[in-house]
Amino acid sequence: MTVAEFIILNGKKSHKVSFLNDDRVLLDGKEYRANVKMMDNDRCSLILDNVVYRIDLVKLEEGEAGVELEVIVKGRTLRLRPQDARTQLLQSITKAHAPSGDQTTVRAPMPGLVGRILAVPGTHLGAGGGILILEAMKMENEITCPSAATVKEIKVSPGQSVDKNQILAILSID
């Protein structure tokens, strides 16, 4: 049973990390014994299969893409972005439906039930602005605007069931 699962992005490479329990981790499908201890606010010790790594945290930034860490491991500086699997899936779907031209459609990333409509036709939204709430798998997922745009049309209503890839809204790109 997996306790937590993350995708660690390092440049264009991604690594899947699954925490199995307090001392077992899967890294890209390979199981390791692992132990992490914080030494102070900007340094920790990682023991991975009996090999000790000292990790220095240089920066911690939070931006539109989430939390970004700059760490030094064995003298090598890495810029990492941890994401939970759900966030990565939603971001990849948003990128797949990136706007082209002066109009774009927003589609359901998964089947679900429309909870609330957050923006009505004529509403101007910035990138990441909320359009509606889609309830799926007992979670509320905010469907957001991929770039600055004006809502042209909402194609669904609260309480309506939708299928994956169903058009939810039409946007006019600014």
N, C-alpha and C. Protein backbone atom coordinates (compact mmCIF):
# COMPACT_ATOMS: atom_id res chain seq x y z
N MET A 1 0.83 -1.18 0.00
CA MET A 1 0.00 0.00 0.00
C MET A 1 0.88 1.25 0.00
N THR A 2 0.63 2.18 -0.90
CA THR A 2 1.40 3.40 -1.02
C THR A 2 0.84 4.47 -0.09
N VAL A 3 1.71 5.09 0.70
CA VAL A 3 1.29 6.14 1.62
C VAL A 3 1.14 7.46 0.86
N ALA A 4 2.15 7.82 0.06
CA ALA A 4 2.11 9.05 -0.71
C ALA A 4 2.90 8.85 -2.00
N GLU A 5 2.49 9.55 -3.03
CA GLU A 5 3.14 9.42 -4.33
C GLU A 5 3.37 10.80 -4.91
N PHE A 6 4.59 11.03 -5.40
CA PHE A 6 4.95 12.32 -5.97
C PHE A 6 5.70 12.13 -7.28
N ILE A 7 5.66 13.15 -8.09
CA ILE A 7 6.49 13.23 -9.28
C ILE A 7 7.48 14.35 -8.99
N ILE A 8 8.77 14.06 -9.13
CA ILE A 8 9.81 15.07 -8.93
C ILE A 8 10.33 15.45 -10.31
N LEU A 9 10.15 16.72 -10.67
CA LEU A 9 10.61 17.21 -11.96
C LEU A 9 11.98 17.85 -11.77
N ASN A 10 12.94 17.42 -12.61
CA ASN A 10 14.30 17.96 -12.61
C ASN A 10 14.60 18.33 -14.05
N GLY A 11 14.34 19.60 -14.38
CA GLY A 11 14.46 20.00 -15.78
C GLY A 11 13.39 19.29 -16.58
N LYS A 12 13.80 18.59 -17.64
CA LYS A 12 12.84 17.86 -18.47
C LYS A 12 12.65 16.42 -18.02
N LYS A 13 13.44 15.97 -17.03
CA LYS A 13 13.32 14.61 -16.51
C LYS A 13 12.31 14.59 -15.37
N SER A 14 11.58 13.49 -15.26
CA SER A 14 10.68 13.33 -14.13
C SER A 14 10.95 11.99 -13.48
N HIS A 15 10.80 11.95 -12.16
CA HIS A 15 11.02 10.74 -11.38
C HIS A 15 9.81 10.51 -10.50
N LYS A 16 9.34 9.28 -10.49
CA LYS A 16 8.19 8.93 -9.68
C LYS A 16 8.69 8.40 -8.34
N VAL A 17 8.21 9.01 -7.25
CA VAL A 17 8.60 8.62 -5.90
C VAL A 17 7.33 8.21 -5.16
N SER A 18 7.32 6.98 -4.66
CA SER A 18 6.19 6.48 -3.88
C SER A 18 6.70 6.07 -2.51
N PHE A 19 6.13 6.65 -1.46
CA PHE A 19 6.50 6.30 -0.10
C PHE A 19 5.62 5.13 0.33
N LEU A 20 6.24 3.98 0.58
CA LEU A 20 5.50 2.78 0.93
C LEU A 20 5.17 2.73 2.41
N ASN A 21 6.13 3.13 3.24
CA ASN A 21 5.93 3.24 4.69
C ASN A 21 7.03 4.16 5.23
N ASP A 22 7.28 4.12 6.53
CA ASP A 22 8.24 5.06 7.13
C ASP A 22 9.67 4.90 6.62
N ASP A 23 10.05 3.71 6.16
CA ASP A 23 11.44 3.52 5.75
C ASP A 23 11.61 2.82 4.40
N ARG A 24 10.55 2.73 3.61
CA ARG A 24 10.63 2.11 2.27
C ARG A 24 10.07 3.08 1.25
N VAL A 25 10.80 3.21 0.12
CA VAL A 25 10.39 4.12 -0.93
C VAL A 25 10.64 3.46 -2.28
N LEU A 26 9.75 3.73 -3.23
CA LEU A 26 9.95 3.31 -4.62
C LEU A 26 10.40 4.53 -5.39
N LEU A 27 11.55 4.43 -6.07
CA LEU A 27 12.05 5.51 -6.90
C LEU A 27 12.13 4.97 -8.32
N ASP A 28 11.28 5.50 -9.20
CA ASP A 28 11.19 5.03 -10.58
C ASP A 28 11.03 3.51 -10.65
N GLY A 29 10.20 2.97 -9.73
CA GLY A 29 9.89 1.54 -9.76
C GLY A 29 10.86 0.66 -8.99
N LYS A 30 11.98 1.20 -8.50
CA LYS A 30 12.95 0.41 -7.75
C LYS A 30 12.79 0.72 -6.26
N GLU A 31 12.72 -0.34 -5.43
CA GLU A 31 12.49 -0.16 -4.00
C GLU A 31 13.81 0.08 -3.26
N TYR A 32 13.77 1.05 -2.33
CA TYR A 32 14.93 1.40 -1.52
C TYR A 32 14.50 1.52 -0.06
N ARG A 33 15.46 1.28 0.84
CA ARG A 33 15.27 1.65 2.24
C ARG A 33 15.69 3.10 2.34
N ALA A 34 14.88 3.92 2.96
CA ALA A 34 15.18 5.35 3.02
C ALA A 34 14.86 5.92 4.38
N ASN A 35 15.66 6.92 4.78
CA ASN A 35 15.43 7.62 6.04
C ASN A 35 15.88 9.06 5.84
N VAL A 36 15.00 10.01 6.13
CA VAL A 36 15.33 11.43 6.01
C VAL A 36 15.24 12.07 7.38
N LYS A 37 16.28 12.83 7.72
CA LYS A 37 16.28 13.56 8.99
C LYS A 37 16.68 14.99 8.71
N MET A 38 15.84 15.94 9.18
CA MET A 38 16.18 17.36 9.06
C MET A 38 17.23 17.69 10.10
N MET A 39 18.33 18.30 9.66
CA MET A 39 19.39 18.70 10.58
C MET A 39 19.15 20.13 11.07
N ASP A 40 18.68 20.99 10.20
CA ASP A 40 18.23 22.34 10.53
C ASP A 40 17.34 22.81 9.39
N ASN A 41 17.00 24.09 9.33
CA ASN A 41 16.04 24.57 8.33
C ASN A 41 16.50 24.43 6.89
N ASP A 42 17.82 24.38 6.65
CA ASP A 42 18.29 24.33 5.27
C ASP A 42 19.22 23.16 5.00
N ARG A 43 19.14 22.12 5.82
CA ARG A 43 20.01 20.95 5.62
C ARG A 43 19.32 19.70 6.14
N CYS A 44 19.46 18.61 5.39
CA CYS A 44 18.93 17.34 5.87
C CYS A 44 19.90 16.22 5.51
N SER A 45 19.67 15.08 6.11
CA SER A 45 20.46 13.89 5.86
C SER A 45 19.52 12.85 5.26
N LEU A 46 19.92 12.26 4.14
CA LEU A 46 19.13 11.21 3.50
C LEU A 46 19.98 9.95 3.50
N ILE A 47 19.43 8.89 4.06
CA ILE A 47 20.10 7.59 4.00
C ILE A 47 19.28 6.74 3.04
N LEU A 48 19.90 6.36 1.93
CA LEU A 48 19.23 5.59 0.88
C LEU A 48 20.01 4.31 0.68
N ASP A 49 19.44 3.18 1.08
CA ASP A 49 20.11 1.88 1.04
C ASP A 49 21.51 1.94 1.63
N ASN A 50 21.60 2.46 2.86
CA ASN A 50 22.83 2.53 3.64
C ASN A 50 23.88 3.49 3.09
N VAL A 51 23.54 4.33 2.13
CA VAL A 51 24.44 5.38 1.65
C VAL A 51 23.89 6.71 2.17
N VAL A 52 24.76 7.49 2.81
CA VAL A 52 24.34 8.76 3.42
C VAL A 52 24.59 9.90 2.44
N TYR A 53 23.57 10.73 2.26
CA TYR A 53 23.67 11.92 1.42
C TYR A 53 23.34 13.13 2.28
N ARG A 54 24.16 14.14 2.21
CA ARG A 54 23.86 15.42 2.87
C ARG A 54 23.24 16.31 1.81
N ILE A 55 22.07 16.85 2.12
CA ILE A 55 21.35 17.69 1.16
C ILE A 55 21.21 19.08 1.74
N ASP A 56 21.73 20.06 1.01
CA ASP A 56 21.62 21.46 1.41
C ASP A 56 20.51 22.10 0.59
N LEU A 57 19.58 22.72 1.27
CA LEU A 57 18.49 23.43 0.62
C LEU A 57 18.93 24.87 0.44
N VAL A 58 19.09 25.28 -0.84
CA VAL A 58 19.58 26.62 -1.13
C VAL A 58 18.42 27.60 -1.22
N LYS A 59 17.35 27.22 -1.92
CA LYS A 59 16.21 28.11 -2.13
C LYS A 59 14.92 27.33 -2.06
N LEU A 60 13.91 28.03 -1.67
CA LEU A 60 12.56 27.47 -1.69
C LEU A 60 11.68 28.57 -2.24
N GLU A 61 11.12 28.34 -3.44
CA GLU A 61 10.28 29.34 -4.07
C GLU A 61 8.91 28.73 -4.34
N GLU A 62 7.89 29.57 -4.25
CA GLU A 62 6.56 29.12 -4.62
C GLU A 62 6.05 30.05 -5.68
N GLY A 63 5.73 29.49 -6.86
CA GLY A 63 5.24 30.28 -7.97
C GLY A 63 4.04 29.62 -8.60
N GLU A 64 3.74 30.03 -9.85
CA GLU A 64 2.58 29.47 -10.56
C GLU A 64 2.72 27.97 -10.78
N ALA A 65 3.96 27.50 -10.94
CA ALA A 65 4.19 26.08 -11.22
C ALA A 65 4.25 25.25 -9.94
N GLY A 66 4.04 25.87 -8.78
CA GLY A 66 4.10 25.16 -7.51
C GLY A 66 5.38 25.47 -6.77
N VAL A 67 5.77 24.61 -5.87
CA VAL A 67 6.98 24.81 -5.08
C VAL A 67 8.19 24.36 -5.90
N GLU A 68 9.23 25.17 -5.88
CA GLU A 68 10.46 24.82 -6.58
C GLU A 68 11.60 24.86 -5.57
N LEU A 69 12.39 23.80 -5.53
CA LEU A 69 13.50 23.70 -4.59
C LEU A 69 14.82 23.71 -5.34
N GLU A 70 15.80 24.39 -4.78
CA GLU A 70 17.15 24.29 -5.29
C GLU A 70 17.95 23.61 -4.21
N VAL A 71 18.50 22.44 -4.51
CA VAL A 71 19.22 21.65 -3.51
C VAL A 71 20.61 21.32 -4.02
N ILE A 72 21.51 21.09 -3.08
CA ILE A 72 22.86 20.66 -3.43
C ILE A 72 23.07 19.28 -2.83
N VAL A 73 23.37 18.31 -3.71
CA VAL A 73 23.62 16.94 -3.30
C VAL A 73 24.97 16.55 -3.89
N LYS A 74 25.92 16.17 -3.04
CA LYS A 74 27.27 15.79 -3.48
C LYS A 74 27.90 16.87 -4.36
N GLY A 75 27.71 18.14 -3.96
CA GLY A 75 28.30 19.25 -4.70
C GLY A 75 27.59 19.63 -5.99
N ARG A 76 26.53 18.93 -6.32
CA ARG A 76 25.78 19.18 -7.55
C ARG A 76 24.48 19.90 -7.22
N THR A 77 24.24 21.03 -7.90
CA THR A 77 23.02 21.80 -7.66
C THR A 77 21.91 21.29 -8.57
N LEU A 78 20.77 21.00 -7.98
CA LEU A 78 19.60 20.51 -8.71
C LEU A 78 18.43 21.44 -8.43
N ARG A 79 17.64 21.70 -9.44
CA ARG A 79 16.42 22.48 -9.28
C ARG A 79 15.26 21.49 -9.44
N LEU A 80 14.51 21.28 -8.37
CA LEU A 80 13.48 20.25 -8.33
C LEU A 80 12.11 20.86 -8.08
N ARG A 81 11.09 20.25 -8.69
CA ARG A 81 9.70 20.64 -8.46
C ARG A 81 8.90 19.41 -8.10
N PRO A 82 8.62 19.19 -6.80
CA PRO A 82 7.77 18.05 -6.43
C PRO A 82 6.30 18.35 -6.71
N GLN A 83 5.61 17.36 -7.23
CA GLN A 83 4.16 17.48 -7.49
C GLN A 83 3.50 16.18 -7.11
N ASP A 84 2.30 16.27 -6.55
CA ASP A 84 1.57 15.04 -6.36
C ASP A 84 1.03 14.60 -7.71
N ALA A 85 0.72 13.32 -7.84
CA ALA A 85 0.31 12.75 -9.13
C ALA A 85 -0.93 13.44 -9.69
N ARG A 86 -1.88 13.82 -8.83
CA ARG A 86 -3.12 14.47 -9.28
C ARG A 86 -2.83 15.83 -9.90
N THR A 87 -1.95 16.63 -9.27
CA THR A 87 -1.60 17.94 -9.80
C THR A 87 -0.93 17.82 -11.15
N GLN A 88 -0.01 16.85 -11.27
CA GLN A 88 0.68 16.68 -12.55
C GLN A 88 -0.31 16.28 -13.65
N LEU A 89 -1.25 15.41 -13.34
CA LEU A 89 -2.26 15.01 -14.33
C LEU A 89 -3.08 16.20 -14.79
N LEU A 90 -3.56 17.01 -13.84
CA LEU A 90 -4.36 18.18 -14.21
C LEU A 90 -3.55 19.18 -15.03
N GLN A 91 -2.26 19.38 -14.70
CA GLN A 91 -1.43 20.31 -15.46
C GLN A 91 -1.16 19.78 -16.86
N SER A 92 -0.94 18.47 -17.00
CA SER A 92 -0.69 17.92 -18.34
C SER A 92 -1.93 18.02 -19.21
N ILE A 93 -3.11 17.86 -18.61
CA ILE A 93 -4.35 18.00 -19.38
C ILE A 93 -4.55 19.44 -19.80
N THR A 94 -4.26 20.39 -18.91
CA THR A 94 -4.39 21.80 -19.24
C THR A 94 -3.46 22.17 -20.39
N LYS A 95 -2.22 21.66 -20.36
CA LYS A 95 -1.27 21.94 -21.45
C LYS A 95 -1.74 21.33 -22.76
N ALA A 96 -2.34 20.14 -22.69
CA ALA A 96 -2.81 19.48 -23.91
C ALA A 96 -3.93 20.27 -24.57
N HIS A 97 -4.66 21.06 -23.78
CA HIS A 97 -5.75 21.87 -24.31
C HIS A 97 -5.39 23.34 -24.32
N ALA A 98 -4.09 23.64 -24.53
CA ALA A 98 -3.64 25.03 -24.55
C ALA A 98 -4.30 25.77 -25.71
N PRO A 99 -4.52 27.06 -25.53
CA PRO A 99 -5.22 27.82 -26.55
C PRO A 99 -4.47 27.94 -27.86
N SER A 100 -5.22 27.98 -28.94
CA SER A 100 -4.64 28.23 -30.25
C SER A 100 -5.59 29.20 -30.96
N GLY A 101 -5.02 30.25 -31.55
CA GLY A 101 -5.87 31.23 -32.22
C GLY A 101 -6.53 32.14 -31.21
N ASP A 102 -7.73 32.64 -31.55
CA ASP A 102 -8.39 33.60 -30.66
C ASP A 102 -9.50 32.97 -29.82
N GLN A 103 -9.72 31.67 -29.95
CA GLN A 103 -10.77 30.99 -29.20
C GLN A 103 -10.28 29.61 -28.81
N THR A 104 -10.68 29.15 -27.65
CA THR A 104 -10.32 27.79 -27.23
C THR A 104 -11.46 27.18 -26.43
N THR A 105 -11.44 25.87 -26.34
CA THR A 105 -12.43 25.17 -25.54
C THR A 105 -11.76 24.61 -24.30
N VAL A 106 -12.50 24.55 -23.22
CA VAL A 106 -12.03 23.93 -22.00
C VAL A 106 -12.82 22.63 -21.87
N ARG A 107 -12.09 21.53 -21.73
CA ARG A 107 -12.72 20.21 -21.69
C ARG A 107 -12.55 19.57 -20.32
N ALA A 108 -13.43 18.65 -20.00
CA ALA A 108 -13.36 17.93 -18.73
C ALA A 108 -12.15 17.00 -18.73
N PRO A 109 -11.27 17.11 -17.73
CA PRO A 109 -10.10 16.24 -17.68
C PRO A 109 -10.44 14.82 -17.22
N MET A 110 -11.66 14.65 -16.70
CA MET A 110 -12.11 13.36 -16.20
C MET A 110 -13.63 13.39 -16.13
N PRO A 111 -14.28 12.23 -16.06
CA PRO A 111 -15.72 12.26 -15.87
C PRO A 111 -16.05 12.77 -14.47
N GLY A 112 -17.20 13.42 -14.34
CA GLY A 112 -17.57 13.94 -13.02
C GLY A 112 -18.90 14.64 -13.05
N LEU A 113 -19.13 15.39 -11.98
CA LEU A 113 -20.38 16.12 -11.80
C LEU A 113 -20.03 17.59 -11.63
N VAL A 114 -20.70 18.46 -12.39
CA VAL A 114 -20.44 19.89 -12.26
C VAL A 114 -20.98 20.34 -10.92
N GLY A 115 -20.10 20.92 -10.10
CA GLY A 115 -20.50 21.40 -8.77
C GLY A 115 -21.01 22.82 -8.85
N ARG A 116 -20.10 23.77 -9.05
CA ARG A 116 -20.47 25.19 -9.11
C ARG A 116 -19.85 25.81 -10.36
N ILE A 117 -20.53 26.80 -10.88
CA ILE A 117 -19.99 27.62 -11.97
C ILE A 117 -19.37 28.84 -11.31
N LEU A 118 -18.09 29.10 -11.59
CA LEU A 118 -17.37 30.20 -10.96
C LEU A 118 -17.32 31.45 -11.84
N ALA A 119 -17.49 31.29 -13.16
CA ALA A 119 -17.40 32.42 -14.08
C ALA A 119 -18.55 32.35 -15.08
N VAL A 120 -19.16 33.47 -15.34
CA VAL A 120 -20.28 33.53 -16.30
C VAL A 120 -19.78 34.16 -17.59
N PRO A 121 -20.53 33.99 -18.70
CA PRO A 121 -20.11 34.62 -19.95
C PRO A 121 -19.87 36.12 -19.76
N GLY A 122 -18.78 36.58 -20.34
CA GLY A 122 -18.38 37.98 -20.21
C GLY A 122 -17.33 38.20 -19.14
N THR A 123 -17.12 37.20 -18.28
CA THR A 123 -16.11 37.32 -17.22
C THR A 123 -14.72 37.24 -17.81
N HIS A 124 -13.86 38.21 -17.45
CA HIS A 124 -12.47 38.17 -17.88
C HIS A 124 -11.65 37.45 -16.81
N LEU A 125 -10.86 36.46 -17.23
CA LEU A 125 -10.04 35.67 -16.31
C LEU A 125 -8.57 35.74 -16.69
N GLY A 126 -7.70 35.76 -15.71
CA GLY A 126 -6.28 35.63 -15.96
C GLY A 126 -5.92 34.16 -16.04
N ALA A 127 -4.69 33.86 -16.42
CA ALA A 127 -4.24 32.46 -16.47
C ALA A 127 -4.42 31.85 -15.09
N GLY A 128 -5.06 30.70 -15.01
CA GLY A 128 -5.30 30.02 -13.74
C GLY A 128 -6.57 30.44 -13.03
N GLY A 129 -7.33 31.38 -13.63
CA GLY A 129 -8.59 31.81 -13.04
C GLY A 129 -9.62 30.68 -13.08
N GLY A 130 -10.42 30.58 -12.03
CA GLY A 130 -11.39 29.48 -11.92
C GLY A 130 -12.60 29.66 -12.83
N ILE A 131 -12.95 28.58 -13.55
CA ILE A 131 -14.12 28.59 -14.43
C ILE A 131 -15.27 27.85 -13.75
N LEU A 132 -14.99 26.66 -13.22
CA LEU A 132 -16.02 25.87 -12.56
C LEU A 132 -15.39 24.82 -11.67
N ILE A 133 -16.21 24.21 -10.85
CA ILE A 133 -15.78 23.11 -9.98
C ILE A 133 -16.36 21.82 -10.54
N LEU A 134 -15.48 20.84 -10.76
CA LEU A 134 -15.89 19.53 -11.24
C LEU A 134 -15.63 18.53 -10.11
N GLU A 135 -16.69 17.87 -9.66
CA GLU A 135 -16.56 16.88 -8.59
C GLU A 135 -16.30 15.53 -9.22
N ALA A 136 -15.17 14.91 -8.81
CA ALA A 136 -14.81 13.59 -9.32
C ALA A 136 -14.03 12.86 -8.25
N MET A 137 -14.28 11.59 -8.09
CA MET A 137 -13.57 10.74 -7.13
C MET A 137 -13.59 11.35 -5.72
N LYS A 138 -14.74 11.87 -5.31
CA LYS A 138 -14.97 12.47 -3.99
C LYS A 138 -14.09 13.70 -3.74
N MET A 139 -13.65 14.34 -4.81
CA MET A 139 -12.83 15.54 -4.68
C MET A 139 -13.40 16.65 -5.54
N GLU A 140 -13.20 17.88 -5.10
CA GLU A 140 -13.59 19.03 -5.89
C GLU A 140 -12.36 19.50 -6.67
N ASN A 141 -12.47 19.52 -8.00
CA ASN A 141 -11.37 19.92 -8.86
C ASN A 141 -11.73 21.24 -9.53
N GLU A 142 -10.92 22.26 -9.30
CA GLU A 142 -11.18 23.54 -9.94
C GLU A 142 -10.66 23.48 -11.37
N ILE A 143 -11.53 23.73 -12.31
CA ILE A 143 -11.15 23.80 -13.72
C ILE A 143 -10.80 25.25 -14.00
N THR A 144 -9.58 25.46 -14.49
CA THR A 144 -9.06 26.81 -14.62
C THR A 144 -8.80 27.22 -16.06
N CYS A 145 -8.63 28.51 -16.24
CA CYS A 145 -8.36 29.12 -17.53
C CYS A 145 -6.89 28.90 -17.89
N PRO A 146 -6.57 28.37 -19.10
CA PRO A 146 -5.18 28.10 -19.46
C PRO A 146 -4.35 29.36 -19.71
N SER A 147 -4.99 30.47 -20.07
CA SER A 147 -4.30 31.75 -20.27
C SER A 147 -5.33 32.86 -20.13
N ALA A 148 -4.88 34.11 -20.17
CA ALA A 148 -5.83 35.23 -20.04
C ALA A 148 -6.89 35.13 -21.13
N ALA A 149 -8.15 35.20 -20.73
CA ALA A 149 -9.25 35.04 -21.68
C ALA A 149 -10.54 35.58 -21.09
N THR A 150 -11.54 35.70 -21.96
CA THR A 150 -12.89 36.08 -21.54
C THR A 150 -13.80 34.89 -21.79
N VAL A 151 -14.63 34.58 -20.82
CA VAL A 151 -15.57 33.46 -20.96
C VAL A 151 -16.61 33.86 -22.00
N LYS A 152 -16.68 33.06 -23.06
CA LYS A 152 -17.63 33.31 -24.14
C LYS A 152 -18.94 32.55 -23.88
N GLU A 153 -18.77 31.28 -23.43
CA GLU A 153 -19.96 30.44 -23.23
C GLU A 153 -19.64 29.34 -22.22
N ILE A 154 -20.57 29.07 -21.33
CA ILE A 154 -20.48 27.93 -20.41
C ILE A 154 -21.43 26.88 -20.97
N LYS A 155 -20.91 25.69 -21.25
CA LYS A 155 -21.69 24.65 -21.93
C LYS A 155 -22.34 23.65 -20.97
N VAL A 156 -22.18 23.83 -19.65
CA VAL A 156 -22.72 22.90 -18.67
C VAL A 156 -23.44 23.67 -17.57
N SER A 157 -24.14 22.95 -16.71
CA SER A 157 -24.82 23.60 -15.60
C SER A 157 -24.58 22.79 -14.32
N PRO A 158 -24.74 23.42 -13.15
CA PRO A 158 -24.53 22.71 -11.88
C PRO A 158 -25.41 21.46 -11.79
N GLY A 159 -24.80 20.38 -11.28
CA GLY A 159 -25.52 19.11 -11.13
C GLY A 159 -25.45 18.22 -12.35
N GLN A 160 -24.92 18.73 -13.46
CA GLN A 160 -24.84 17.95 -14.70
C GLN A 160 -23.66 16.99 -14.66
N SER A 161 -23.88 15.75 -15.09
CA SER A 161 -22.80 14.77 -15.25
C SER A 161 -22.09 15.04 -16.57
N VAL A 162 -20.77 14.94 -16.56
CA VAL A 162 -19.99 15.15 -17.78
C VAL A 162 -19.04 13.99 -17.99
N ASP A 163 -18.71 13.74 -19.24
CA ASP A 163 -17.76 12.71 -19.62
C ASP A 163 -16.38 13.32 -19.79
N LYS A 164 -15.36 12.49 -19.76
CA LYS A 164 -14.00 12.96 -20.01
C LYS A 164 -13.95 13.57 -21.42
N ASN A 165 -13.28 14.72 -21.55
CA ASN A 165 -13.11 15.47 -22.80
C ASN A 165 -14.36 16.20 -23.27
N GLN A 166 -15.43 16.17 -22.50
CA GLN A 166 -16.62 16.92 -22.87
C GLN A 166 -16.32 18.41 -22.75
N ILE A 167 -16.82 19.22 -23.68
CA ILE A 167 -16.60 20.66 -23.64
C ILE A 167 -17.37 21.25 -22.47
N LEU A 168 -16.65 22.00 -21.63
CA LEU A 168 -17.24 22.66 -20.48
C LEU A 168 -17.48 24.13 -20.74
N ALA A 169 -16.54 24.77 -21.46
CA ALA A 169 -16.65 26.21 -21.71
C ALA A 169 -15.90 26.57 -22.99
N ILE A 170 -16.31 27.69 -23.55
CA ILE A 170 -15.60 28.26 -24.71
C ILE A 170 -15.08 29.61 -24.27
N LEU A 171 -13.79 29.85 -24.53
CA LEU A 171 -13.12 31.08 -24.12
C LEU A 171 -12.64 31.85 -25.32
N SER A 172 -12.66 33.17 -25.19
CA SER A 172 -12.10 34.06 -26.20
C SER A 172 -10.75 34.53 -25.65
N ILE A 173 -9.68 34.16 -26.33
CA ILE A 173 -8.32 34.47 -25.85
C ILE A 173 -8.02 35.94 -26.04
N ASP A 174 -7.44 36.55 -24.99
CA ASP A 174 -7.09 37.98 -25.06
C ASP A 174 -5.82 38.18 -25.87
